[in-house]
Amino acid sequence: MEEQYPKPKYPPLRTISKEEMIKRIKTYIIDIQEPIPDALTKNPRGHVPLYDFGKGDKILVVGATEYDPEVINGYAEAIRQKGAKADLLLLDIGRLGSPEAASAEEAKSLIVGEDNPVYTKYSNVISSATAKALALSEGYDMIVAGMGPPPHNVSLKWRRLMFVYGEEIAGDRVEFPLELQLAIDRKVWEDLTSLEKCHFTDPEGTDFVWTNYDDERRMAIGHEFAKPMYIGHGGVPDCSGTIAGTLNHVGCYPNIRATVKNDLVVKVEGGGEYGDAWRAKLEELNGLELPEAPVGGTDKTYKLPGPGYFWFYEMAIGTSPKVFRHPKEANFECFASFLHDRERSGYVHHGMGAPSGTQPTYTRLGIPWSHVHIHSLFGTLEGRSRNGERITVINKGHLTALDDPEVRSTASRYGDPDELLKEIWIPAIPGINEEGDYWQDYAKNPSEWIRKEGERYIRVE
């Protein structure tokens, strides 16, 4: 076991009454009284969604049967209390079999069409085609649905649900101050954009380097992009090395290793069913010459540096210390069991595939538009700034912005900085921060360990 890695931690889970549920949803999610940061109003599609509707607006709230019904009903009631109308649509999206089979669906869902199973059905619950039809027939002003990114081919306002379990609504994250969250993100963004030569490693086998450049990506609260995402726009793409792990958004798999050369995945090894599905898609798609893609937030486009499909464009850092893995997720009873994990501070998810924002264009041209993932739970991100300073953004899974004096000063206006800024969830992995052998006790069959780990650490109060 690597002693320097943080020890496992899991918060006690609270239960609250229906009335308290509605009150907390209204106060901390739907009708926030705290001043809204400019960074949020400029990017309301982000991981701290802004429910910017007015009195008399008509809202469609879409839930899955796996969500807590009290939470979904609580959203609708809180919306009504704010003066809007709210309809509820509950959909049974089903499950994807074993955790290993579920993980393979990320690769199998790289298909042509405006909707696919993982990024519309399992992440957003409702297909974009159905959403557009309902908006047209019922006159909705906003859709509140899912935990994934809103589809780019739906012009209607679309906001994430974000919180779908009662224990989340009762927990610390919903009342985490927006000003403090923004302070954390600003510090992360300041460090990231000051770096020139960067290096990322983790104990599961990840090790890659890259040169940072200004590709016009923007700060995204709760989901900060550590490396250029508009590959080759504003600089030379030279990211090379290995990305390894056992989790994606939907399930888990035996340890996989993806070899990256100049920002393109060129080889995939291991990974069980997920690896097999990804290798098939690698052979099918990596010879494509992709058309120009949009530079988000601008009217510009950019051209990728060469043929290929599995471009390493998403290296996203979670920035919330109050995120935890829910019991249903630990027991694989969810639509996407690790979609939630990625928002925890210091947790990194790597996305490889079609560039962001290409859904409408690529669908029209008959090209798949989504991507696949590998998660890093205990990564270290460090590098050299343009003035030669050494900067560590993440240290063994811990986001160093949480220790920053200015961030702590902001936290002190709301309470004890030590309490506000400590992570409440740190998973246990044998050979990393738990006794055992990583390869024998975990990496060969991670789902077995994750179930046991969930039973061991979950406590309800």
Protein backbone atom coordinates (compact mmCIF):
# COMPACT_ATOMS: atom_id res chain seq x y z
CA MET A 1 0.00 0.00 0.00
CA GLU A 2 1.19 3.51 -0.85
CA GLU A 3 1.15 5.24 2.54
CA GLN A 4 1.22 8.75 1.12
CA TYR A 5 -2.19 8.45 -0.51
CA PRO A 6 -5.19 9.76 1.49
CA LYS A 7 -7.02 7.21 3.59
CA PRO A 8 -10.54 6.07 2.62
CA LYS A 9 -13.37 8.23 3.84
CA TYR A 10 -17.15 8.11 3.46
CA PRO A 11 -19.70 10.48 5.00
CA PRO A 12 -22.64 9.43 7.15
CA LEU A 13 -25.83 9.76 5.10
CA ARG A 14 -28.83 11.69 6.42
CA THR A 15 -32.53 11.21 5.77
CA ILE A 16 -34.95 14.14 5.92
CA SER A 17 -38.71 14.67 5.72
CA LYS A 18 -40.60 15.46 2.51
CA GLU A 19 -41.20 19.03 3.71
CA GLU A 20 -37.51 19.58 4.48
CA MET A 21 -36.61 18.07 1.10
CA ILE A 22 -38.77 20.60 -0.76
CA LYS A 23 -37.47 23.47 1.38
CA ARG A 24 -33.82 22.60 0.72
CA ILE A 25 -34.38 22.14 -3.02
CA LYS A 26 -36.10 25.52 -3.22
CA THR A 27 -33.59 27.36 -1.03
CA TYR A 28 -30.32 25.91 -2.28
CA ILE A 29 -31.04 24.78 -5.86
CA ILE A 30 -34.05 26.39 -7.51
CA ASP A 31 -34.34 29.82 -5.88
CA ILE A 32 -30.80 30.73 -4.85
CA GLN A 33 -30.62 34.06 -3.02
CA GLU A 34 -26.83 34.33 -3.18
CA PRO A 35 -25.55 36.59 -6.03
CA ILE A 36 -25.01 34.50 -9.16
CA PRO A 37 -21.39 34.58 -10.40
CA ASP A 38 -20.81 35.89 -13.93
CA ALA A 39 -18.97 32.68 -14.75
CA LEU A 40 -22.21 30.79 -14.15
CA THR A 41 -24.52 33.08 -16.09
CA LYS A 42 -22.13 32.89 -19.05
CA ASN A 43 -22.09 29.10 -18.94
CA PRO A 44 -25.41 27.88 -17.44
CA ARG A 45 -24.91 24.48 -19.08
CA GLY A 46 -22.14 23.72 -16.58
CA HIS A 47 -21.94 21.61 -13.45
CA VAL A 48 -23.56 24.24 -11.23
CA PRO A 49 -26.72 24.79 -13.27
CA LEU A 50 -28.63 28.05 -13.19
CA TYR A 51 -32.41 27.56 -13.11
CA ASP A 52 -33.10 30.85 -14.85
CA PHE A 53 -36.84 30.78 -15.45
CA GLY A 54 -39.52 33.34 -14.65
CA LYS A 55 -43.00 33.38 -13.19
CA GLY A 56 -45.50 31.81 -15.53
CA ASP A 57 -42.89 29.81 -17.45
CA LYS A 58 -43.68 26.18 -18.19
CA ILE A 59 -41.01 23.68 -17.12
CA LEU A 60 -40.69 19.97 -17.93
CA VAL A 61 -38.94 18.01 -15.17
CA VAL A 62 -37.76 14.60 -16.40
CA GLY A 63 -36.83 11.87 -13.96
CA ALA A 64 -35.72 8.26 -14.15
CA THR A 65 -37.27 5.45 -12.14
CA GLU A 66 -33.89 5.01 -10.41
CA TYR A 67 -34.03 8.52 -8.94
CA ASP A 68 -35.65 9.09 -5.56
CA PRO A 69 -39.26 10.04 -6.34
CA GLU A 70 -39.33 12.48 -3.40
CA VAL A 71 -36.48 14.41 -4.99
CA ILE A 72 -38.07 14.67 -8.43
CA ASN A 73 -41.40 15.69 -6.93
CA GLY A 74 -39.48 18.14 -4.75
CA TYR A 75 -37.98 19.82 -7.81
CA ALA A 76 -41.42 20.23 -9.36
CA GLU A 77 -42.94 21.64 -6.17
CA ALA A 78 -40.03 24.04 -5.66
CA ILE A 79 -40.43 25.28 -9.23
CA ARG A 80 -44.14 25.85 -8.63
CA GLN A 81 -43.40 27.74 -5.43
CA LYS A 82 -41.18 30.07 -7.47
CA GLY A 83 -44.17 30.88 -9.68
CA ALA A 84 -43.69 28.65 -12.71
CA LYS A 85 -45.65 25.67 -13.96
CA ALA A 86 -44.03 22.25 -13.74
CA ASP A 87 -44.92 18.99 -15.48
CA LEU A 88 -43.30 15.72 -14.45
CA LEU A 89 -42.21 12.97 -16.85
CA LEU A 90 -40.90 9.75 -15.29
CA LEU A 91 -39.10 7.36 -17.63
CA ASP A 92 -37.95 3.80 -17.04
CA ILE A 93 -34.56 3.78 -18.74
CA GLY A 94 -33.60 0.32 -17.49
CA ARG A 95 -30.09 -0.95 -16.87
CA LEU A 96 -27.22 -2.26 -18.94
CA GLY A 97 -26.56 -5.65 -17.33
CA SER A 98 -23.29 -6.27 -15.51
CA PRO A 99 -20.95 -3.36 -14.65
CA GLU A 100 -18.53 -4.66 -17.26
CA ALA A 101 -21.21 -4.87 -19.97
CA ALA A 102 -22.42 -1.41 -19.00
CA SER A 103 -18.95 0.07 -19.39
CA ALA A 104 -18.69 -1.37 -22.92
CA GLU A 105 -21.78 0.61 -23.93
CA GLU A 106 -19.72 3.83 -23.89
CA ALA A 107 -17.80 2.55 -26.91
CA LYS A 108 -20.72 0.75 -28.54
CA SER A 109 -22.75 3.98 -28.38
CA LEU A 110 -20.40 5.69 -30.83
CA ILE A 111 -23.03 5.50 -33.55
CA VAL A 112 -24.51 7.88 -36.09
CA GLY A 113 -27.65 9.77 -35.04
CA GLU A 114 -28.68 12.67 -32.85
CA ASP A 115 -29.37 10.28 -29.95
CA ASN A 116 -27.43 7.34 -28.57
CA PRO A 117 -27.99 5.11 -25.53
CA VAL A 118 -25.31 6.48 -23.21
CA TYR A 119 -25.34 10.20 -23.86
CA THR A 120 -29.07 10.69 -24.21
CA LYS A 121 -30.92 7.77 -22.62
CA TYR A 122 -28.62 7.01 -19.68
CA SER A 123 -27.11 10.44 -18.99
CA ASN A 124 -29.99 12.73 -19.93
CA VAL A 125 -32.89 10.26 -19.51
CA ILE A 126 -34.91 11.79 -22.35
CA SER A 127 -33.87 11.71 -26.01
CA SER A 128 -33.35 15.01 -27.77
CA ALA A 129 -35.92 13.95 -30.40
CA THR A 130 -38.57 13.42 -27.69
CA ALA A 131 -37.58 16.63 -25.91
CA LYS A 132 -37.98 18.69 -29.08
CA ALA A 133 -41.35 17.12 -29.86
CA LEU A 134 -42.68 17.78 -26.35
CA ALA A 135 -41.38 21.34 -26.35
CA LEU A 136 -43.15 22.00 -29.61
CA SER A 137 -46.46 20.40 -28.64
CA GLU A 138 -46.61 21.59 -25.01
CA GLY A 139 -44.86 24.95 -25.21
CA TYR A 140 -42.18 24.38 -22.57
CA ASP A 141 -39.77 27.19 -21.74
CA MET A 142 -37.18 24.93 -20.08
CA ILE A 143 -36.34 21.27 -19.63
CA VAL A 144 -34.74 20.06 -16.39
CA ALA A 145 -33.37 16.57 -16.99
CA GLY A 146 -30.48 14.21 -16.47
CA MET A 147 -26.95 14.55 -15.12
CA GLY A 148 -25.07 14.75 -18.41
CA PRO A 149 -24.41 17.72 -20.70
CA PRO A 150 -27.47 19.17 -22.46
CA PRO A 151 -27.62 18.13 -26.13
CA HIS A 152 -26.30 20.68 -28.59
CA ASN A 153 -29.12 20.08 -31.05
CA VAL A 154 -31.89 21.25 -28.68
CA SER A 155 -32.26 25.04 -28.73
CA LEU A 156 -34.62 25.09 -25.75
CA LYS A 157 -33.12 25.97 -22.35
CA TRP A 158 -31.95 22.71 -20.80
CA ARG A 159 -30.57 22.42 -17.28
CA ARG A 160 -29.17 19.42 -15.43
CA LEU A 161 -30.89 17.95 -12.40
CA MET A 162 -27.52 17.36 -10.70
CA PHE A 163 -29.02 16.00 -7.45
CA VAL A 164 -31.28 12.96 -7.72
CA TYR A 165 -31.04 11.19 -4.34
CA GLY A 166 -32.48 12.24 -0.99
CA GLU A 167 -29.14 11.77 0.78
CA GLU A 168 -27.63 14.34 -1.59
CA ILE A 169 -30.31 16.91 -0.85
CA ALA A 170 -29.74 16.33 2.87
CA GLY A 171 -25.96 16.64 2.48
CA ASP A 172 -23.43 19.45 2.47
CA ARG A 173 -23.01 20.03 -1.25
CA VAL A 174 -26.38 21.60 -1.98
CA GLU A 175 -25.71 24.39 0.50
CA PHE A 176 -22.06 24.90 -0.50
CA PRO A 177 -21.64 28.67 -1.09
CA LEU A 178 -21.46 29.67 -4.75
CA GLU A 179 -18.88 32.33 -3.92
CA LEU A 180 -16.65 29.68 -2.37
CA GLN A 181 -17.12 27.27 -5.26
CA LEU A 182 -16.16 30.03 -7.68
CA ALA A 183 -13.07 30.86 -5.59
CA ILE A 184 -11.94 27.23 -5.84
CA ASP A 185 -12.51 27.15 -9.59
CA ARG A 186 -10.75 30.45 -10.14
CA LYS A 187 -7.67 29.19 -8.33
CA VAL A 188 -7.66 25.94 -10.32
CA TRP A 189 -8.12 27.88 -13.56
CA GLU A 190 -5.38 30.36 -12.64
CA ASP A 191 -2.94 27.50 -12.01
CA LEU A 192 -3.93 25.58 -15.14
CA THR A 193 -3.63 28.53 -17.50
CA SER A 194 -0.24 29.54 -16.03
CA LEU A 195 1.30 26.14 -16.83
CA GLU A 196 3.37 25.49 -19.93
CA LYS A 197 4.96 22.04 -19.51
CA CYS A 198 2.62 19.59 -17.76
CA HIS A 199 2.81 16.04 -16.41
CA PHE A 200 0.00 13.82 -15.11
CA THR A 201 0.42 10.47 -13.38
CA ASP A 202 -1.67 8.14 -11.25
CA PRO A 203 -0.97 4.84 -9.45
CA GLU A 204 -3.17 2.83 -11.85
CA GLY A 205 -0.67 3.29 -14.69
CA THR A 206 -1.42 6.73 -16.14
CA ASP A 207 1.58 8.78 -17.23
CA PHE A 208 1.50 11.45 -19.94
CA VAL A 209 2.95 14.88 -20.71
CA TRP A 210 1.86 17.84 -22.81
CA THR A 211 2.63 21.45 -23.64
CA ASN A 212 -0.16 23.82 -22.66
CA TYR A 213 -1.37 26.53 -25.06
CA ASP A 214 -4.26 28.98 -25.26
CA ASP A 215 -6.94 27.23 -27.30
CA GLU A 216 -9.66 29.68 -26.14
CA ARG A 217 -11.25 27.16 -23.79
CA ARG A 218 -13.10 28.78 -20.91
CA MET A 219 -13.40 28.25 -17.19
CA ALA A 220 -16.25 25.82 -16.45
CA ILE A 221 -17.34 25.77 -12.81
CA GLY A 222 -17.04 22.27 -11.37
CA HIS A 223 -15.44 20.84 -14.52
CA GLU A 224 -12.15 22.57 -15.32
CA PHE A 225 -10.30 21.54 -18.47
CA ALA A 226 -6.67 20.80 -17.62
CA LYS A 227 -5.33 20.58 -21.16
CA PRO A 228 -6.32 22.08 -24.51
CA MET A 229 -9.64 20.69 -25.70
CA TYR A 230 -9.71 22.29 -29.16
CA ILE A 231 -6.82 20.17 -30.37
CA GLY A 232 -4.25 22.17 -32.35
CA HIS A 233 -6.19 25.45 -32.16
CA GLY A 234 -3.60 27.94 -30.90
CA GLY A 235 -0.69 25.55 -30.47
CA VAL A 236 1.03 22.30 -31.38
CA PRO A 237 -0.64 19.15 -29.96
CA ASP A 238 2.08 17.03 -28.38
CA CYS A 239 0.27 15.18 -25.58
CA SER A 240 1.75 11.68 -25.42
CA GLY A 241 1.84 8.80 -22.96
CA THR A 242 -0.57 6.36 -21.32
CA ILE A 243 -4.01 6.74 -19.74
CA ALA A 244 -4.99 3.80 -17.53
CA GLY A 245 -7.81 2.97 -15.14
CA THR A 246 -10.87 0.88 -14.36
CA LEU A 247 -13.89 3.24 -14.47
CA ASN A 248 -15.87 5.18 -17.03
CA HIS A 249 -19.17 7.06 -16.59
CA VAL A 250 -21.37 4.00 -16.96
CA GLY A 251 -19.56 1.08 -15.35
CA CYS A 252 -16.20 -0.51 -14.57
CA TYR A 253 -13.81 -2.91 -16.26
CA PRO A 254 -10.44 -4.63 -15.79
CA ASN A 255 -7.54 -2.17 -15.99
CA ILE A 256 -7.27 -0.62 -19.44
CA ARG A 257 -4.31 1.18 -21.05
CA ALA A 258 -4.81 3.70 -23.85
CA THR A 259 -1.68 4.88 -25.66
CA VAL A 260 -1.82 8.52 -26.75
CA LYS A 261 0.47 10.02 -29.39
CA ASN A 262 0.19 13.73 -30.15
CA ASP A 263 -3.30 13.89 -28.58
CA LEU A 264 -4.69 10.89 -30.47
CA VAL A 265 -5.38 7.45 -28.97
CA VAL A 266 -3.54 4.99 -31.22
CA LYS A 267 -3.71 1.77 -29.17
CA VAL A 268 -5.93 0.24 -26.47
CA GLU A 269 -4.83 -2.72 -24.32
CA GLY A 270 -6.76 -4.70 -21.71
CA GLY A 271 -10.10 -3.47 -20.42
CA GLY A 272 -12.19 -6.63 -20.86
CA GLU A 273 -15.48 -6.03 -22.70
CA TYR A 274 -14.90 -2.29 -22.74
CA GLY A 275 -11.47 -2.73 -24.28
CA ASP A 276 -12.86 -5.08 -26.93
CA ALA A 277 -15.61 -2.63 -27.87
CA TRP A 278 -13.18 0.31 -27.95
CA ARG A 279 -10.66 -1.58 -30.12
CA ALA A 280 -13.40 -2.38 -32.62
CA LYS A 281 -14.33 1.30 -32.80
CA LEU A 282 -10.66 2.29 -33.02
CA GLU A 283 -10.32 0.17 -36.14
CA GLU A 284 -13.60 1.46 -37.54
CA LEU A 285 -13.22 5.18 -36.87
CA ASN A 286 -9.59 6.20 -36.42
CA GLY A 287 -9.02 6.61 -40.15
CA LEU A 288 -11.68 9.31 -40.46
CA GLU A 289 -10.79 12.82 -41.55
CA LEU A 290 -13.13 14.80 -39.30
CA PRO A 291 -14.60 18.10 -40.54
CA GLU A 292 -14.07 21.41 -38.75
CA ALA A 293 -15.41 21.64 -35.22
CA PRO A 294 -16.65 24.63 -33.21
CA VAL A 295 -14.59 26.54 -30.68
CA GLY A 296 -17.11 26.76 -27.82
CA GLY A 297 -18.36 30.20 -26.85
CA THR A 298 -17.13 31.77 -30.11
CA ASP A 299 -18.13 31.87 -33.77
CA LYS A 300 -14.84 30.21 -34.75
CA THR A 301 -14.09 26.71 -35.96
CA TYR A 302 -10.87 24.70 -36.02
CA LYS A 303 -9.47 21.77 -37.99
CA LEU A 304 -7.96 18.78 -36.26
CA PRO A 305 -4.29 18.17 -37.12
CA GLY A 306 -4.86 14.95 -39.05
CA PRO A 307 -7.03 11.87 -39.51
CA GLY A 308 -8.37 10.11 -36.44
CA TYR A 309 -11.40 9.91 -34.19
CA PHE A 310 -10.25 9.25 -30.62
CA TRP A 311 -8.82 12.68 -29.88
CA PHE A 312 -7.89 13.26 -26.24
CA TYR A 313 -9.79 16.51 -25.87
CA GLU A 314 -11.30 16.20 -22.38
CA MET A 315 -9.16 16.17 -19.27
CA ALA A 316 -11.65 17.52 -16.75
CA ILE A 317 -11.01 18.17 -13.07
CA GLY A 318 -13.84 17.98 -10.54
CA THR A 319 -13.75 20.81 -8.00
CA SER A 320 -16.41 20.06 -5.36
CA PRO A 321 -15.10 18.59 -2.07
CA LYS A 322 -18.62 17.53 -0.99
CA VAL A 323 -19.36 14.96 -3.69
CA PHE A 324 -19.69 11.32 -2.65
CA ARG A 325 -20.55 8.01 -4.30
CA HIS A 326 -24.15 7.11 -3.52
CA PRO A 327 -25.11 3.65 -2.18
CA LYS A 328 -27.05 2.85 -5.35
CA GLU A 329 -24.00 3.75 -7.41
CA ALA A 330 -21.68 1.60 -5.31
CA ASN A 331 -24.07 -1.32 -5.81
CA PHE A 332 -24.45 -0.69 -9.58
CA GLU A 333 -28.17 0.02 -9.34
CA CYS A 334 -28.00 3.13 -11.50
CA PHE A 335 -28.23 4.25 -15.08
CA ALA A 336 -24.63 5.55 -14.99
CA SER A 337 -22.91 4.54 -11.79
CA PHE A 338 -19.80 6.75 -12.03
CA LEU A 339 -21.19 9.81 -13.82
CA HIS A 340 -21.52 11.37 -10.39
CA ASP A 341 -17.98 10.58 -9.14
CA ARG A 342 -16.29 12.85 -11.64
CA GLU A 343 -17.39 16.04 -9.88
CA ARG A 344 -15.39 15.41 -6.68
CA SER A 345 -12.46 17.76 -6.14
CA GLY A 346 -9.23 16.36 -7.57
CA TYR A 347 -10.99 13.54 -9.44
CA VAL A 348 -10.09 13.61 -13.16
CA HIS A 349 -11.98 12.10 -16.05
CA HIS A 350 -10.35 11.76 -19.46
CA GLY A 351 -12.56 11.84 -22.56
CA MET A 352 -11.47 10.63 -26.01
CA GLY A 353 -13.52 10.81 -29.18
CA ALA A 354 -15.25 13.34 -31.38
CA PRO A 355 -14.65 16.98 -30.42
CA SER A 356 -17.12 18.79 -28.18
CA GLY A 357 -20.12 20.54 -29.72
CA THR A 358 -20.18 18.51 -32.94
CA GLN A 359 -23.49 16.67 -32.38
CA PRO A 360 -25.63 18.62 -34.92
CA THR A 361 -22.97 18.85 -37.65
CA TYR A 362 -21.63 15.32 -37.37
CA THR A 363 -25.13 13.83 -37.26
CA ARG A 364 -25.95 15.61 -40.51
CA LEU A 365 -22.72 14.27 -42.06
CA GLY A 366 -23.23 10.70 -40.84
CA ILE A 367 -20.41 10.72 -38.26
CA PRO A 368 -20.66 9.63 -34.58
CA TRP A 369 -20.31 12.58 -32.21
CA SER A 370 -19.67 11.29 -28.66
CA HIS A 371 -16.71 9.93 -26.71
CA VAL A 372 -15.41 7.39 -24.17
CA HIS A 373 -13.77 7.80 -20.75
CA ILE A 374 -11.15 6.63 -18.29
CA HIS A 375 -11.28 8.01 -14.73
CA SER A 376 -8.31 8.88 -12.50
CA LEU A 377 -9.12 8.90 -8.78
CA PHE A 378 -5.66 9.51 -7.28
CA GLY A 379 -3.84 11.51 -9.94
CA THR A 380 -1.02 14.04 -9.60
CA LEU A 381 -0.95 17.00 -11.98
CA GLU A 382 2.14 19.16 -11.86
CA GLY A 383 4.18 21.27 -14.19
CA ARG A 384 6.30 24.29 -14.92
CA SER A 385 4.81 27.71 -15.54
CA ARG A 386 5.98 30.08 -18.25
CA ASN A 387 8.11 31.91 -15.68
CA GLY A 388 9.72 28.70 -14.45
CA GLU A 389 7.65 28.20 -11.28
CA ARG A 390 6.77 24.63 -10.25
CA ILE A 391 3.02 24.24 -9.69
CA THR A 392 1.06 21.24 -8.38
CA VAL A 393 -2.65 21.39 -9.22
CA ILE A 394 -3.54 17.92 -7.89
CA ASN A 395 -1.46 15.92 -5.41
CA LYS A 396 -2.38 12.22 -5.17
CA GLY A 397 -6.04 12.97 -5.77
CA HIS A 398 -6.16 16.07 -3.56
CA LEU A 399 -7.01 19.41 -5.22
CA THR A 400 -4.42 21.86 -3.93
CA ALA A 401 -6.75 24.85 -4.48
CA LEU A 402 -8.54 23.72 -1.31
CA ASP A 403 -5.40 24.73 0.64
CA ASP A 404 -4.96 28.12 -1.03
CA PRO A 405 -4.94 31.07 1.45
CA GLU A 406 -7.38 33.16 -0.62
CA VAL A 407 -9.78 30.23 -0.97
CA ARG A 408 -9.57 29.60 2.77
CA SER A 409 -10.17 33.30 3.45
CA THR A 410 -13.35 33.15 1.36
CA ALA A 411 -14.41 29.99 3.22
CA SER A 412 -13.93 31.71 6.59
CA ARG A 413 -16.80 34.07 5.77
CA TYR A 414 -19.14 31.08 5.79
CA GLY A 415 -17.76 28.95 8.61
CA ASP A 416 -14.75 26.83 9.53
CA PRO A 417 -12.49 26.56 6.43
CA ASP A 418 -11.21 23.15 7.58
CA GLU A 419 -14.75 21.76 7.58
CA LEU A 420 -15.97 23.52 4.46
CA LEU A 421 -12.96 22.55 2.34
CA LYS A 422 -12.31 18.95 3.40
CA GLU A 423 -13.25 16.13 1.05
CA ILE A 424 -16.04 14.01 2.50
CA TRP A 425 -15.48 10.99 0.21
CA ILE A 426 -12.26 9.17 -0.66
CA PRO A 427 -12.70 5.70 -2.17
CA ALA A 428 -10.67 2.69 -1.04
CA ILE A 429 -8.51 0.87 -3.60
CA PRO A 430 -6.24 -2.04 -2.58
CA GLY A 431 -2.57 -1.36 -3.11
CA ILE A 432 -3.11 2.40 -3.29
CA ASN A 433 -4.72 3.58 -0.06
CA GLU A 434 -5.94 0.23 1.28
CA GLU A 435 -4.08 -2.94 2.25
CA GLY A 436 -3.88 -5.46 -0.57
CA ASP A 437 -2.56 -5.96 -4.09
CA TYR A 438 -3.88 -3.58 -6.77
CA TRP A 439 -3.69 -6.08 -9.62
CA GLN A 440 -4.94 -9.17 -7.79
CA ASP A 441 -7.52 -7.67 -5.41
CA TYR A 442 -8.90 -4.85 -7.57
CA ALA A 443 -7.79 -4.32 -11.17
CA LYS A 444 -8.80 -7.77 -12.46
CA ASN A 445 -12.40 -7.44 -11.23
CA PRO A 446 -13.10 -3.95 -9.84
CA SER A 447 -16.88 -4.39 -9.55
CA GLU A 448 -16.48 -7.05 -6.85
CA TRP A 449 -14.30 -4.74 -4.76
CA ILE A 450 -16.51 -1.67 -5.32
CA ARG A 451 -19.56 -3.52 -3.99
CA LYS A 452 -17.65 -4.62 -0.89
CA GLU A 453 -16.21 -1.14 -0.42
CA GLY A 454 -19.69 0.37 -0.57
CA GLU A 455 -21.03 -2.00 2.08
CA ARG A 456 -18.09 -1.24 4.31
CA TYR A 457 -18.17 2.55 4.20
CA ILE A 458 -21.81 3.51 3.78
CA ARG A 459 -23.48 4.56 7.04
CA VAL A 460 -26.97 6.02 7.34
CA GLU A 461 -27.89 8.35 10.20
